[in-house]
């Protein structure tokens, strides 16, 4: 994917991350290794996200499924030390889209007729523990 295409994924997945956190689907500690974790609760997050992805696919909403996948892979990588390196590699690729994320967020807002208060910090968020080397 081009950097601009990745920026679209970054913008859309940021919207979903903030929604998932607000509704309690993703607890903050599931995306931050520096926080104390309830392993049982955190281990259930990928299960919930897989369910959402399948539902999006059934409803013929592949873009929403794609926007959810970075959080599925991130929560899996943070819960499993053996695959954490792949999470870091994914975020190295995702960060290529950061310079385009604001522009793509504006495009999403125009298409959906919905404005969101999303900071630049939110658009450049990398889960703590998956920072690229």
Foldseek 3Di string as FASTA:
>chain_A
DALLVLLLLLQLLLVVVVVCCVVVLAPLCLLEVVDDDDLVSLVCSLVVLVVVLVVCVVVVNNSNSSSSVLSSLNSVLSNDVVCLQVNLVVLVSSQSNLVNNVVSNVVVCVVVVHDDDDDSCSSSDHRHSNHHD
